Amino acid sequence: MRKGFKKVLSIALCAAMMGTMLTACGGGGKKDAAKKDNKEITIGFSQVGAESDWRVANTKSMKEALSAGNGFKLSFADAQQKQENQTKAVREFISQGVDVIAIAPVTETGWETVLKEAKEAGIPVITVDRQIKTSDDSLVSCWVGSDFKKEGVEAGKWLIKDMEKKGKKAANIAVLQGTIGSSAEIGRTKGFKEGIKDAKDFKIIASQTGEFTQAKGQEVMESFLKQYKNIDVVVAQNDNMAFGAIDALKAAGKKPGKDVTIISFDAVKAALKEVQNGQINAEFECNPLHGPRVADLAKKLMNGEKVEKVQYVEEQVFTKDNVDKFINERQY
């Protein structure tokens, strides 16, 4: 009887122990999951700089979305237009052991080595606005930004139609390029040429970088006006360069938007006002509010979810016909 009692007791104790182990495993799993869900995500963001109104709006969007209130701890680094500063910042992020790295790169190339270091550290990389070209696609988890080539193509097509309305079949075009080698410059340059390829008498007579700044844009436009007497169209690859071009044209006694057609990219509020007053003829939007999308992607990556490599933002075109509907809603 005692032997049987011991056997029953032994079975009961084993069952109790197994139950405790199962409960511990189940409870621990839920606790770990909850901890993962509630974990503050540390993210390092290397920004190009503050060269334009667009860039300032982009930085603001990123900082607001990647805030403590949204579950993030942000380390922010302003590269001041220098890639070497970005490389240094990324290495600092790696040494800090951040969970995610975000980069708005100065140029597309020259990233291979430092991105391999991030991969070896197990840190996913999100590129913002501009893209990065590498021989290994796995070095960048995803990219958030605009279809720059499409913007350029649409600008070219718009110009052909606009000139047709004015009864003009020929046009001498001056282009203020952005930072040479940046995704925006490459895409918009290539796209615009593609957009006007069927207009045989549309000629790009001048093309030079204005470095995405108003001062440089004005300087380059002044140089163009000294070299070429008959400029029909100015294509500025961002609004700040367009503002500089407008100042240069006025100083030369020309009426922007009338004597010279102005096409610009970004569509910041100040530029939309120029569309309203007729000094800019067409604005091709480049949406800078990337923060919410980056925050969402960072969370998904931390949860082990798969994300699409390319994440385009929604954009539109503004002319005098539709600008009044949108200008008051502009956040930047």
Protein backbone atom coordinates (compact mmCIF):
# COMPACT_ATOMS: atom_id res chain seq x y z
CA MET A 1 0.00 0.00 0.00
CA ARG A 2 2.79 2.41 0.90
CA LYS A 3 4.65 1.44 -2.31
CA GLY A 4 1.54 2.23 -4.36
CA PHE A 5 1.05 5.51 -2.55
CA LYS A 6 4.66 6.50 -3.32
CA LYS A 7 4.12 5.67 -7.00
CA VAL A 8 0.97 7.78 -7.17
CA LEU A 9 2.69 10.61 -5.31
CA SER A 10 5.66 10.45 -7.70
CA ILE A 11 3.35 10.65 -10.74
CA ALA A 12 1.48 13.57 -9.20
CA LEU A 13 4.69 15.44 -8.47
CA CYS A 14 5.94 14.87 -12.03
CA ALA A 15 2.68 16.12 -13.45
CA ALA A 16 2.81 19.18 -11.22
CA MET A 17 6.39 19.87 -12.28
CA MET A 18 5.52 19.48 -15.96
CA GLY A 19 2.57 21.82 -15.49
CA THR A 20 4.81 24.38 -13.82
CA MET A 21 7.36 24.10 -16.65
CA LEU A 22 4.70 24.46 -19.32
CA THR A 23 3.19 27.44 -17.51
CA ALA A 24 6.63 29.01 -17.16
CA CYS A 25 7.40 28.51 -20.87
CA GLY A 26 4.02 29.87 -21.94
CA GLY A 27 4.14 32.81 -19.54
CA GLY A 28 7.74 33.57 -20.37
CA GLY A 29 6.95 33.59 -24.08
CA LYS A 30 4.14 36.09 -23.61
CA LYS A 31 6.34 38.22 -21.41
CA ASP A 32 9.15 38.20 -23.98
CA ALA A 33 6.74 39.08 -26.75
CA ALA A 34 5.30 41.92 -24.71
CA LYS A 35 8.78 43.14 -23.95
CA LYS A 36 9.63 43.06 -27.64
CA ASP A 37 6.45 44.92 -28.54
CA ASN A 38 7.08 47.57 -25.89
CA LYS A 39 10.81 47.89 -26.49
CA GLU A 40 12.01 51.37 -27.36
CA ILE A 41 13.55 51.26 -30.83
CA THR A 42 16.86 53.08 -31.09
CA ILE A 43 17.44 54.58 -34.52
CA GLY A 44 20.28 56.60 -35.96
CA PHE A 45 19.44 59.02 -38.76
CA SER A 46 22.10 60.65 -40.94
CA GLN A 47 20.62 63.63 -42.81
CA VAL A 48 22.25 65.31 -45.83
CA GLY A 49 22.07 68.74 -44.24
CA ALA A 50 19.73 71.74 -44.24
CA GLU A 51 20.39 73.08 -47.73
CA SER A 52 16.76 73.73 -48.65
CA ASP A 53 13.27 74.32 -47.31
CA TRP A 54 12.42 70.80 -48.47
CA ARG A 55 15.27 69.30 -46.43
CA VAL A 56 14.22 71.22 -43.31
CA ALA A 57 10.68 69.84 -43.69
CA ASN A 58 12.06 66.33 -44.19
CA THR A 59 14.12 66.57 -41.01
CA LYS A 60 11.15 67.87 -39.04
CA SER A 61 8.96 65.00 -40.25
CA MET A 62 11.59 62.43 -39.29
CA LYS A 63 12.15 63.89 -35.83
CA GLU A 64 8.42 64.08 -35.10
CA ALA A 65 7.72 60.51 -36.21
CA LEU A 66 10.81 59.01 -34.55
CA SER A 67 10.04 60.55 -31.17
CA ALA A 68 9.95 59.03 -27.69
CA GLY A 69 6.18 59.32 -27.72
CA ASN A 70 6.10 56.98 -30.72
CA GLY A 71 8.42 54.45 -29.11
CA PHE A 72 11.76 55.60 -30.52
CA LYS A 73 15.06 56.94 -29.27
CA LEU A 74 16.60 58.99 -32.09
CA SER A 75 20.26 59.82 -32.67
CA PHE A 76 20.37 62.55 -35.32
CA ALA A 77 23.42 63.61 -37.35
CA ASP A 78 23.58 66.51 -39.83
CA ALA A 79 26.19 65.72 -42.51
CA GLN A 80 26.41 69.31 -43.77
CA GLN A 81 26.51 68.05 -47.39
CA LYS A 82 29.61 65.90 -46.80
CA GLN A 83 29.56 62.15 -47.36
CA GLU A 84 32.56 61.62 -45.11
CA ASN A 85 30.49 63.07 -42.25
CA GLN A 86 27.74 60.57 -43.03
CA THR A 87 30.14 57.63 -43.07
CA LYS A 88 31.50 58.73 -39.70
CA ALA A 89 27.97 59.09 -38.30
CA VAL A 90 26.93 55.62 -39.49
CA ARG A 91 30.00 54.11 -37.80
CA GLU A 92 29.07 55.91 -34.60
CA PHE A 93 25.53 54.52 -34.84
CA ILE A 94 27.00 51.03 -35.24
CA SER A 95 29.24 51.48 -32.18
CA GLN A 96 26.20 52.70 -30.21
CA GLY A 97 24.42 49.47 -31.11
CA VAL A 98 21.29 51.12 -32.50
CA ASP A 99 18.46 48.89 -33.72
CA VAL A 100 18.00 50.62 -37.09
CA ILE A 101 19.98 53.07 -39.23
CA ALA A 102 18.33 55.55 -41.61
CA ILE A 103 20.34 57.49 -44.18
CA ALA A 104 19.43 60.32 -46.54
CA PRO A 105 22.62 59.96 -48.60
CA VAL A 106 24.54 62.83 -50.18
CA THR A 107 25.28 60.66 -53.23
CA GLU A 108 24.36 57.17 -54.42
CA THR A 109 27.83 55.61 -54.43
CA GLY A 110 30.68 55.05 -51.98
CA TRP A 111 28.67 53.23 -49.31
CA GLU A 112 29.72 49.61 -49.75
CA THR A 113 32.24 49.34 -46.90
CA VAL A 114 30.27 51.03 -44.11
CA LEU A 115 27.03 49.27 -45.07
CA LYS A 116 28.81 45.91 -44.83
CA GLU A 117 29.85 46.92 -41.33
CA ALA A 118 26.22 47.62 -40.46
CA LYS A 119 25.15 44.27 -41.90
CA GLU A 120 27.82 42.43 -39.90
CA ALA A 121 26.47 44.17 -36.79
CA GLY A 122 22.97 42.95 -37.64
CA ILE A 123 21.57 46.46 -38.09
CA PRO A 124 19.02 47.01 -40.89
CA VAL A 125 19.42 50.15 -43.01
CA ILE A 126 16.61 52.28 -44.44
CA THR A 127 17.51 54.88 -47.08
CA VAL A 128 15.42 58.04 -47.25
CA ASP A 129 14.80 60.40 -50.19
CA ARG A 130 17.95 59.56 -52.15
CA GLN A 131 19.02 56.04 -53.00
CA ILE A 132 22.22 54.07 -52.58
CA LYS A 133 23.76 51.81 -55.24
CA THR A 134 25.56 48.69 -54.00
CA SER A 135 26.71 45.39 -55.47
CA ASP A 136 24.79 43.61 -52.68
CA ASP A 137 21.07 44.40 -52.44
CA SER A 138 20.90 42.97 -48.93
CA LEU A 139 22.95 45.88 -47.55
CA VAL A 140 19.86 48.11 -47.65
CA SER A 141 16.56 46.83 -46.28
CA CYS A 142 14.35 49.36 -48.08
CA TRP A 143 14.09 52.87 -49.50
CA VAL A 144 11.44 55.57 -48.96
CA GLY A 145 11.14 58.43 -51.41
CA SER A 146 10.03 59.88 -54.71
CA ASP A 147 10.19 58.53 -58.25
CA PHE A 148 12.63 61.18 -59.46
CA LYS A 149 12.82 59.92 -63.02
CA LYS A 150 9.02 59.94 -63.28
CA GLU A 151 9.01 63.55 -62.01
CA GLY A 152 11.44 64.50 -64.76
CA VAL A 153 9.48 62.69 -67.47
CA GLU A 154 6.23 64.36 -66.38
CA ALA A 155 7.93 67.78 -66.39
CA GLY A 156 9.12 67.24 -69.95
CA LYS A 157 5.69 66.14 -71.14
CA TRP A 158 4.04 69.09 -69.39
CA LEU A 159 6.42 71.50 -71.12
CA ILE A 160 5.60 70.13 -74.57
CA LYS A 161 1.87 70.60 -73.96
CA ASP A 162 2.38 74.07 -72.48
CA MET A 163 4.42 75.19 -75.47
CA GLU A 164 1.81 73.79 -77.85
CA LYS A 165 -0.86 75.90 -76.09
CA LYS A 166 1.33 78.96 -76.64
CA GLY A 167 1.85 78.04 -80.31
CA LYS A 168 5.57 77.37 -79.82
CA LYS A 169 7.32 74.37 -81.35
CA ALA A 170 10.86 75.23 -80.26
CA ALA A 171 12.43 76.01 -76.91
CA ASN A 172 15.90 76.81 -75.57
CA ILE A 173 16.13 75.26 -72.12
CA ALA A 174 18.51 75.98 -69.23
CA VAL A 175 18.73 73.41 -66.44
CA LEU A 176 19.78 74.09 -62.86
CA GLN A 177 20.82 70.65 -61.65
CA GLY A 178 20.92 69.51 -58.06
CA THR A 179 23.95 67.97 -56.36
CA ILE A 180 25.65 65.93 -59.07
CA GLY A 181 25.42 62.20 -58.33
CA SER A 182 22.41 62.50 -56.03
CA SER A 183 19.34 60.40 -56.83
CA ALA A 184 17.19 63.49 -57.40
CA GLU A 185 19.66 64.99 -59.88
CA ILE A 186 20.20 61.72 -61.73
CA GLY A 187 16.50 60.87 -61.96
CA ARG A 188 15.23 64.33 -62.88
CA THR A 189 17.99 64.91 -65.45
CA LYS A 190 17.44 61.57 -67.16
CA GLY A 191 13.65 61.78 -66.89
CA PHE A 192 13.37 65.30 -68.31
CA LYS A 193 15.50 64.40 -71.34
CA GLU A 194 13.28 61.39 -71.90
CA GLY A 195 10.15 63.54 -71.52
CA ILE A 196 11.19 65.96 -74.30
CA LYS A 197 12.82 63.43 -76.65
CA ASP A 198 9.99 63.64 -79.18
CA ALA A 199 10.18 67.45 -79.34
CA LYS A 200 13.09 67.75 -81.77
CA ASP A 201 13.34 71.54 -81.50
CA PHE A 202 13.50 71.55 -77.71
CA LYS A 203 17.18 72.02 -76.90
CA ILE A 204 18.97 72.00 -73.54
CA ILE A 205 21.48 74.76 -74.20
CA ALA A 206 22.87 75.03 -70.66
CA SER A 207 23.11 72.68 -67.70
CA GLN A 208 25.01 73.19 -64.45
CA THR A 209 24.64 72.32 -60.79
CA GLY A 210 23.19 74.90 -58.44
CA GLU A 211 23.80 72.51 -55.53
CA PHE A 212 20.15 72.72 -54.44
CA THR A 213 20.73 76.16 -52.86
CA GLN A 214 19.20 79.54 -53.63
CA ALA A 215 22.51 81.43 -53.65
CA LYS A 216 24.18 79.01 -56.04
CA GLY A 217 21.06 78.80 -58.19
CA GLN A 218 21.08 82.58 -58.59
CA GLU A 219 24.80 82.61 -59.35
CA VAL A 220 24.50 79.95 -62.06
CA MET A 221 21.42 81.61 -63.58
CA GLU A 222 23.26 84.92 -63.78
CA SER A 223 26.05 83.12 -65.64
CA PHE A 224 23.55 81.52 -68.05
CA LEU A 225 21.99 84.91 -68.83
CA LYS A 226 25.38 86.36 -69.69
CA GLN A 227 26.17 83.46 -72.03
CA TYR A 228 22.80 82.98 -73.72
CA LYS A 229 20.46 85.70 -74.99
CA ASN A 230 17.45 83.51 -75.77
CA ILE A 231 16.52 81.28 -72.84
CA ASP A 232 12.88 80.24 -73.14
CA VAL A 233 12.66 77.80 -70.25
CA VAL A 234 14.40 77.29 -66.89
CA VAL A 235 14.16 73.89 -65.24
CA ALA A 236 15.22 74.13 -61.59
CA GLN A 237 15.63 70.76 -59.91
CA ASN A 238 14.44 72.19 -56.61
CA ASP A 239 12.55 75.22 -55.35
CA ASN A 240 15.44 77.03 -53.72
CA MET A 241 17.33 77.11 -57.01
CA ALA A 242 14.12 78.30 -58.69
CA PHE A 243 13.94 81.21 -56.22
CA GLY A 244 17.55 82.09 -57.10
CA ALA A 245 16.76 81.90 -60.82
CA ILE A 246 13.74 84.19 -60.37
CA ASP A 247 15.92 86.80 -58.63
CA ALA A 248 18.51 86.59 -61.41
CA LEU A 249 15.87 86.94 -64.15
CA LYS A 250 14.30 89.97 -62.46
CA ALA A 251 17.69 91.62 -62.10
CA ALA A 252 18.21 91.08 -65.83
CA GLY A 253 14.91 92.81 -66.61
CA LYS A 254 13.02 89.63 -67.51
CA LYS A 255 9.64 88.52 -66.18
CA PRO A 256 9.77 85.01 -64.67
CA GLY A 257 6.79 82.93 -65.73
CA LYS A 258 6.08 85.17 -68.74
CA ASP A 259 9.29 85.97 -70.62
CA VAL A 260 10.78 82.70 -69.35
CA THR A 261 8.81 79.59 -68.40
CA ILE A 262 9.85 78.27 -64.98
CA ILE A 263 9.53 74.60 -64.01
CA SER A 264 10.50 73.56 -60.50
CA PHE A 265 10.48 70.54 -58.20
CA ASP A 266 9.59 70.04 -54.51
CA ALA A 267 6.47 72.23 -54.16
CA VAL A 268 7.13 73.85 -50.80
CA LYS A 269 4.54 76.43 -49.75
CA ALA A 270 6.71 79.40 -50.74
CA ALA A 271 6.99 77.93 -54.24
CA LEU A 272 3.24 77.37 -54.47
CA LYS A 273 2.83 81.08 -53.74
CA GLU A 274 5.08 81.77 -56.72
CA VAL A 275 2.78 79.55 -58.80
CA GLN A 276 -0.15 81.64 -57.59
CA ASN A 277 1.49 84.88 -58.64
CA GLY A 278 2.60 83.43 -61.98
CA GLN A 279 6.37 83.45 -61.50
CA ILE A 280 6.61 79.64 -61.48
CA ASN A 281 4.56 77.92 -64.19
CA ALA A 282 4.60 74.32 -62.95
CA GLU A 283 5.57 72.65 -59.67
CA PHE A 284 6.30 68.92 -59.52
CA GLU A 285 5.84 67.72 -55.98
CA CYS A 286 8.51 65.88 -54.05
CA ASN A 287 6.86 64.93 -50.76
CA PRO A 288 9.30 65.38 -47.83
CA LEU A 289 7.06 63.91 -45.11
CA HIS A 290 8.81 60.55 -44.90
CA GLY A 291 8.86 60.22 -41.11
CA PRO A 292 5.66 58.20 -40.57
CA ARG A 293 6.59 55.71 -43.31
CA VAL A 294 10.11 55.26 -41.90
CA ALA A 295 8.73 54.76 -38.38
CA ASP A 296 6.33 52.09 -39.62
CA LEU A 297 9.07 50.30 -41.56
CA ALA A 298 11.44 50.38 -38.58
CA LYS A 299 8.82 48.72 -36.39
CA LYS A 300 8.13 46.05 -39.01
CA LEU A 301 11.83 45.29 -39.40
CA MET A 302 12.20 44.95 -35.64
CA ASN A 303 9.29 42.47 -35.63
CA GLY A 304 10.97 40.40 -38.30
CA GLU A 305 8.39 41.29 -40.96
CA LYS A 306 9.21 41.44 -44.66
CA VAL A 307 8.92 44.86 -46.28
CA GLU A 308 8.91 46.01 -49.89
CA LYS A 309 12.31 47.26 -51.06
CA VAL A 310 10.89 50.34 -52.78
CA GLN A 311 8.39 52.60 -51.00
CA TYR A 312 7.19 55.47 -53.21
CA VAL A 313 5.35 58.43 -51.68
CA GLU A 314 2.28 59.99 -53.31
CA GLU A 315 2.80 63.22 -55.25
CA GLN A 316 1.10 65.59 -57.70
CA VAL A 317 1.63 68.53 -60.07
CA PHE A 318 0.65 72.13 -59.28
CA THR A 319 -0.14 74.88 -61.78
CA LYS A 320 -2.17 78.07 -61.57
CA ASP A 321 -5.25 76.00 -62.44
CA ASN A 322 -5.23 73.96 -59.20
CA VAL A 323 -2.83 75.57 -56.71
CA ASP A 324 -5.52 77.53 -54.82
CA LYS A 325 -7.12 74.26 -53.69
CA PHE A 326 -3.98 73.05 -51.92
CA ILE A 327 -1.83 75.96 -50.78
CA ASN A 328 -3.58 76.60 -47.45
CA GLU A 329 -3.20 72.94 -46.48
CA ARG A 330 0.55 72.93 -47.08
CA GLN A 331 2.49 71.91 -43.96
CA TYR A 332 5.90 73.00 -45.18
